C-alpha cells in the first residue's frame, strides 16, 4: 500500500507496508534511523553514519543496479550491530505462482512493459548470499503483498 504526498512540489510515494513492518519489529523506536530515498541519491560520510543504528532502503533491492557494491559499501561504513532493513520481490515465488498458468506468455509481456527500468531477478537465497558475503545476517523476512521485507544485522567479524 502506498501513500502519495506532495512535498515541495514533488510527489513522494511512501510504502506503508515497510512502516508497518518496521513498527511490528520495534525498529522505529530508536531515534537514529536513516531512511535512504528510493528516488534521490545522497552521499554520507563515515562521521555522519557512526550514529545510525538502523538504516532503511526504500528502494527494492531488485532495482539497485550495483547491488553487491552497494552492500559492500554499506558494510564498510556502518557500525557493528547496525540494522539494515530493505525489501525485494522474490522472483522465485512469482515464477512458482505462474508456472502452471496458461497465461504465462501474457505475464512475461506485461512484466517486460512494467519493468523497463533496471529490475534484477532476486530470490531469498540470492539476497541471503549477498548479505552474508558482506557480514550481514538476516534476522527476519516477511512477505507482504508480494514484496519480501527483511532486516539484517551488520557483524564486523
C-alpha atoms as a PDB file:
ATOM      1  CA  UNK A   1       0.000   0.000   0.000  1.00  0.00           C
ATOM      2  CA  UNK A   2       1.383   3.410  -0.914  1.00  0.00           C
ATOM      3  CA  UNK A   3       0.575   6.916   0.205  1.00  0.00           C
ATOM      4  CA  UNK A   4       1.344   9.795  -2.133  1.00  0.00           C
ATOM      5  CA  UNK A   5       2.023  13.196  -0.655  1.00  0.00           C
ATOM      6  CA  UNK A   6       3.159  16.364  -2.322  1.00  0.00           C
ATOM      7  CA  UNK A   7       6.248  17.818  -0.681  1.00  0.00           C
ATOM      8  CA  UNK A   8       7.849  20.971  -2.046  1.00  0.00           C
ATOM      9  CA  UNK A   9       6.112  20.494  -5.396  1.00  0.00           C
ATOM     10  CA  UNK A  10       7.337  16.881  -5.797  1.00  0.00           C
ATOM     11  CA  UNK A  11       5.217  13.789  -5.419  1.00  0.00           C
ATOM     12  CA  UNK A  12       6.687  11.357  -2.921  1.00  0.00           C
ATOM     13  CA  UNK A  13       5.363   7.831  -2.503  1.00  0.00           C
ATOM     14  CA  UNK A  14       5.585   6.213   0.913  1.00  0.00           C
ATOM     15  CA  UNK A  15       5.393   2.474   1.385  1.00  0.00           C
ATOM     16  CA  UNK A  16       3.077   1.991   4.354  1.00  0.00           C
ATOM     17  CA  UNK A  17       3.879  -1.725   4.423  1.00  0.00           C
ATOM     18  CA  UNK A  18       7.524  -1.079   5.277  1.00  0.00           C
ATOM     19  CA  UNK A  19       6.434   1.326   8.001  1.00  0.00           C
ATOM     20  CA  UNK A  20       4.137  -1.336   9.468  1.00  0.00           C
ATOM     21  CA  UNK A  21       6.881  -3.973   9.142  1.00  0.00           C
ATOM     22  CA  UNK A  22       9.376  -1.749  10.995  1.00  0.00           C
ATOM     23  CA  UNK A  23       6.816  -0.992  13.712  1.00  0.00           C
ATOM     24  CA  UNK A  24       5.979  -4.668  14.140  1.00  0.00           C
ATOM     25  CA  UNK A  25       9.654  -5.443  14.805  1.00  0.00           C
ATOM     26  CA  UNK A  26      10.213  -2.367  17.016  1.00  0.00           C
ATOM     27  CA  UNK A  27      12.782  -0.928  14.606  1.00  0.00           C
ATOM     28  CA  UNK A  28      11.354   2.609  14.693  1.00  0.00           C
ATOM     29  CA  UNK A  29      11.762   3.076  18.446  1.00  0.00           C
ATOM     30  CA  UNK A  30      15.355   4.215  18.026  1.00  0.00           C
ATOM     31  CA  UNK A  31      15.793   7.894  17.186  1.00  0.00           C
ATOM     32  CA  UNK A  32      18.827   7.166  14.985  1.00  0.00           C
ATOM     33  CA  UNK A  33      17.039   5.682  11.961  1.00  0.00           C
ATOM     34  CA  UNK A  34      18.132   6.704   8.467  1.00  0.00           C
ATOM     35  CA  UNK A  35      15.781   6.233   5.509  1.00  0.00           C
ATOM     36  CA  UNK A  36      17.503   6.035   2.119  1.00  0.00           C
ATOM     37  CA  UNK A  37      15.229   7.502  -0.552  1.00  0.00           C
ATOM     38  CA  UNK A  38      14.095   5.406  -3.475  1.00  0.00           C
ATOM     39  CA  UNK A  39      14.228   8.409  -5.810  1.00  0.00           C
ATOM     40  CA  UNK A  40      17.095  10.610  -4.655  1.00  0.00           C
ATOM     41  CA  UNK A  41      20.725   9.760  -4.037  1.00  0.00           C
ATOM     42  CA  UNK A  42      22.713  11.326  -1.230  1.00  0.00           C
ATOM     43  CA  UNK A  43      26.285  10.942  -0.010  1.00  0.00           C
ATOM     44  CA  UNK A  44      27.002  10.161   3.620  1.00  0.00           C
ATOM     45  CA  UNK A  45      30.417  10.205   5.220  1.00  0.00           C
ATOM     46  CA  UNK A  46      31.697   7.954   7.991  1.00  0.00           C
ATOM     47  CA  UNK A  47      31.243  10.648  10.634  1.00  0.00           C
ATOM     48  CA  UNK A  48      27.537  11.008   9.827  1.00  0.00           C
ATOM     49  CA  UNK A  49      26.968   7.255   9.759  1.00  0.00           C
ATOM     50  CA  UNK A  50      28.558   6.418  13.110  1.00  0.00           C
ATOM     51  CA  UNK A  51      25.390   7.463  14.970  1.00  0.00           C
ATOM     52  CA  UNK A  52      22.996   5.486  12.769  1.00  0.00           C
ATOM     53  CA  UNK A  53      21.573   2.373  14.448  1.00  0.00           C
ATOM     54  CA  UNK A  54      19.062   1.418  11.740  1.00  0.00           C
ATOM     55  CA  UNK A  55      19.218   2.104   8.017  1.00  0.00           C
ATOM     56  CA  UNK A  56      16.191   1.523   5.779  1.00  0.00           C
ATOM     57  CA  UNK A  57      16.363   1.272   1.985  1.00  0.00           C
ATOM     58  CA  UNK A  58      13.069   2.421   0.459  1.00  0.00           C
ATOM     59  CA  UNK A  59      14.109   1.186  -2.991  1.00  0.00           C
ATOM     60  CA  UNK A  60      13.660  -2.502  -3.749  1.00  0.00           C
ATOM     61  CA  UNK A  61      16.950  -4.385  -3.919  1.00  0.00           C
ATOM     62  CA  UNK A  62      15.838  -5.637  -7.361  1.00  0.00           C
ATOM     63  CA  UNK A  63      16.118  -2.057  -8.649  1.00  0.00           C
ATOM     64  CA  UNK A  64      19.678  -1.422  -7.433  1.00  0.00           C
ATOM     65  CA  UNK A  65      21.985  -1.809 -10.406  1.00  0.00           C
ATOM     66  CA  UNK A  66      25.210  -2.452  -8.447  1.00  0.00           C
ATOM     67  CA  UNK A  67      23.750  -4.419  -5.549  1.00  0.00           C
ATOM     68  CA  UNK A  68      26.937  -6.144  -4.360  1.00  0.00           C
ATOM     69  CA  UNK A  69      28.910  -2.887  -4.392  1.00  0.00           C
ATOM     70  CA  UNK A  70      26.113  -1.134  -2.515  1.00  0.00           C
ATOM     71  CA  UNK A  71      26.002  -3.804   0.208  1.00  0.00           C
ATOM     72  CA  UNK A  72      29.818  -3.882   0.456  1.00  0.00           C
ATOM     73  CA  UNK A  73      29.971  -0.092   0.855  1.00  0.00           C
ATOM     74  CA  UNK A  74      27.157  -0.170   3.378  1.00  0.00           C
ATOM     75  CA  UNK A  75      29.012  -2.751   5.476  1.00  0.00           C
ATOM     76  CA  UNK A  76      32.198  -0.705   5.389  1.00  0.00           C
ATOM     77  CA  UNK A  77      30.616   2.477   6.790  1.00  0.00           C
ATOM     78  CA  UNK A  78      28.119   1.052   9.297  1.00  0.00           C
ATOM     79  CA  UNK A  79      28.932   0.248  12.895  1.00  0.00           C
ATOM     80  CA  UNK A  80      28.734  -3.283  14.189  1.00  0.00           C
ATOM     81  CA  UNK A  81      25.194  -4.355  15.084  1.00  0.00           C
ATOM     82  CA  UNK A  82      23.610  -1.686  12.892  1.00  0.00           C
ATOM     83  CA  UNK A  83      20.332  -2.970  11.486  1.00  0.00           C
ATOM     84  CA  UNK A  84      19.806  -2.857   7.725  1.00  0.00           C
ATOM     85  CA  UNK A  85      16.192  -3.067   6.502  1.00  0.00           C
ATOM     86  CA  UNK A  86      15.075  -3.482   2.939  1.00  0.00           C
ATOM     87  CA  UNK A  87      12.683  -5.122   0.547  1.00  0.00           C
ATOM     88  CA  UNK A  88      12.728  -7.051  -2.706  1.00  0.00           C
ATOM     89  CA  UNK A  89      10.452  -9.015  -4.972  1.00  0.00           C
ATOM     90  CA  UNK A  90      11.215 -12.716  -4.720  1.00  0.00           C
ATOM     91  CA  UNK A  91      11.141 -13.737  -8.385  1.00  0.00           C
ATOM     92  CA  UNK A  92      11.310 -17.394  -7.407  1.00  0.00           C
ATOM     93  CA  UNK A  93       7.887 -17.060  -5.739  1.00  0.00           C
ATOM     94  CA  UNK A  94       6.492 -15.215  -8.760  1.00  0.00           C
ATOM     95  CA  UNK A  95       7.739 -17.948 -11.103  1.00  0.00           C
ATOM     96  CA  UNK A  96       6.160 -20.655  -8.935  1.00  0.00           C
ATOM     97  CA  UNK A  97       2.833 -18.798  -8.883  1.00  0.00           C
ATOM     98  CA  UNK A  98       2.695 -18.528 -12.665  1.00  0.00           C
ATOM     99  CA  UNK A  99       4.413 -21.785 -13.633  1.00  0.00           C
ATOM    100  CA  UNK A 100       1.191 -23.661 -14.292  1.00  0.00           C
ATOM    101  CA  UNK A 101      -0.746 -20.741 -15.672  1.00  0.00           C
ATOM    102  CA  UNK A 102      -1.846 -20.806 -19.303  1.00  0.00           C
ATOM    103  CA  UNK A 103      -1.295 -17.034 -19.270  1.00  0.00           C
ATOM    104  CA  UNK A 104       2.468 -17.247 -18.729  1.00  0.00           C
ATOM    105  CA  UNK A 105       3.243 -15.566 -22.072  1.00  0.00           C
ATOM    106  CA  UNK A 106       0.895 -12.689 -21.218  1.00  0.00           C
ATOM    107  CA  UNK A 107       2.572 -12.387 -17.804  1.00  0.00           C
ATOM    108  CA  UNK A 108       6.010 -12.226 -19.468  1.00  0.00           C
ATOM    109  CA  UNK A 109       4.896  -9.490 -21.858  1.00  0.00           C
ATOM    110  CA  UNK A 110       3.308  -7.454 -19.038  1.00  0.00           C
ATOM    111  CA  UNK A 111       6.425  -7.892 -16.889  1.00  0.00           C
ATOM    112  CA  UNK A 112       8.601  -6.560 -19.690  1.00  0.00           C
ATOM    113  CA  UNK A 113       6.375  -3.497 -20.024  1.00  0.00           C
ATOM    114  CA  UNK A 114       6.141  -2.845 -16.275  1.00  0.00           C
ATOM    115  CA  UNK A 115       9.828  -3.373 -15.532  1.00  0.00           C
ATOM    116  CA  UNK A 116      11.528  -1.314 -18.219  1.00  0.00           C
ATOM    117  CA  UNK A 117      13.719   0.207 -15.523  1.00  0.00           C
ATOM    118  CA  UNK A 118      16.517  -1.870 -14.041  1.00  0.00           C
ATOM    119  CA  UNK A 119      14.989  -4.869 -12.297  1.00  0.00           C
ATOM    120  CA  UNK A 120      17.325  -7.651 -11.156  1.00  0.00           C
ATOM    121  CA  UNK A 121      15.651 -11.026 -10.618  1.00  0.00           C
ATOM    122  CA  UNK A 122      16.271 -11.993  -6.980  1.00  0.00           C
ATOM    123  CA  UNK A 123      15.300 -14.779  -4.633  1.00  0.00           C
ATOM    124  CA  UNK A 124      15.639 -15.020  -0.875  1.00  0.00           C
ATOM    125  CA  UNK A 125      18.702 -17.236  -1.422  1.00  0.00           C
ATOM    126  CA  UNK A 126      20.346 -14.550  -3.610  1.00  0.00           C
ATOM    127  CA  UNK A 127      19.716 -11.834  -1.040  1.00  0.00           C
ATOM    128  CA  UNK A 128      20.889 -14.034   1.839  1.00  0.00           C
ATOM    129  CA  UNK A 129      24.098 -14.914  -0.048  1.00  0.00           C
ATOM    130  CA  UNK A 130      24.837 -11.270  -0.870  1.00  0.00           C
ATOM    131  CA  UNK A 131      24.250 -10.127   2.702  1.00  0.00           C
ATOM    132  CA  UNK A 132      26.280 -12.977   4.233  1.00  0.00           C
ATOM    133  CA  UNK A 133      29.151 -12.230   1.867  1.00  0.00           C
ATOM    134  CA  UNK A 134      29.414  -8.773   3.429  1.00  0.00           C
ATOM    135  CA  UNK A 135      28.825  -9.854   7.048  1.00  0.00           C
ATOM    136  CA  UNK A 136      25.106  -9.164   7.390  1.00  0.00           C
ATOM    137  CA  UNK A 137      22.876 -11.770   8.984  1.00  0.00           C
ATOM    138  CA  UNK A 138      19.171 -11.809   8.112  1.00  0.00           C
ATOM    139  CA  UNK A 139      17.148 -11.897  11.315  1.00  0.00           C
ATOM    140  CA  UNK A 140      13.650 -11.801   9.806  1.00  0.00           C
ATOM    141  CA  UNK A 141      11.850 -11.916   6.471  1.00  0.00           C
ATOM    142  CA  UNK A 142       8.152 -11.296   5.918  1.00  0.00           C
ATOM    143  CA  UNK A 143       6.180 -11.230   2.691  1.00  0.00           C
ATOM    144  CA  UNK A 144       3.505  -8.538   2.423  1.00  0.00           C
ATOM    145  CA  UNK A 145       1.523  -8.018  -0.792  1.00  0.00           C
ATOM    146  CA  UNK A 146       4.102  -9.877  -2.914  1.00  0.00           C
ATOM    147  CA  UNK A 147       7.096  -7.949  -1.549  1.00  0.00           C
ATOM    148  CA  UNK A 148       9.571  -9.567   0.848  1.00  0.00           C
ATOM    149  CA  UNK A 149      10.670  -7.255   3.685  1.00  0.00           C
ATOM    150  CA  UNK A 150      13.713  -8.121   5.766  1.00  0.00           C
ATOM    151  CA  UNK A 151      16.050  -6.848   8.393  1.00  0.00           C
ATOM    152  CA  UNK A 152      19.619  -7.930   8.980  1.00  0.00           C
ATOM    153  CA  UNK A 153      22.420  -7.032  11.375  1.00  0.00           C
ATOM    154  CA  UNK A 154      25.898  -5.925  10.438  1.00  0.00           C
ATOM    155  CA  UNK A 155      28.590  -8.082  12.052  1.00  0.00           C
ATOM    156  CA  UNK A 156      32.203  -6.975  11.778  1.00  0.00           C
ATOM    157  CA  UNK A 157      33.906 -10.327  12.426  1.00  0.00           C
END
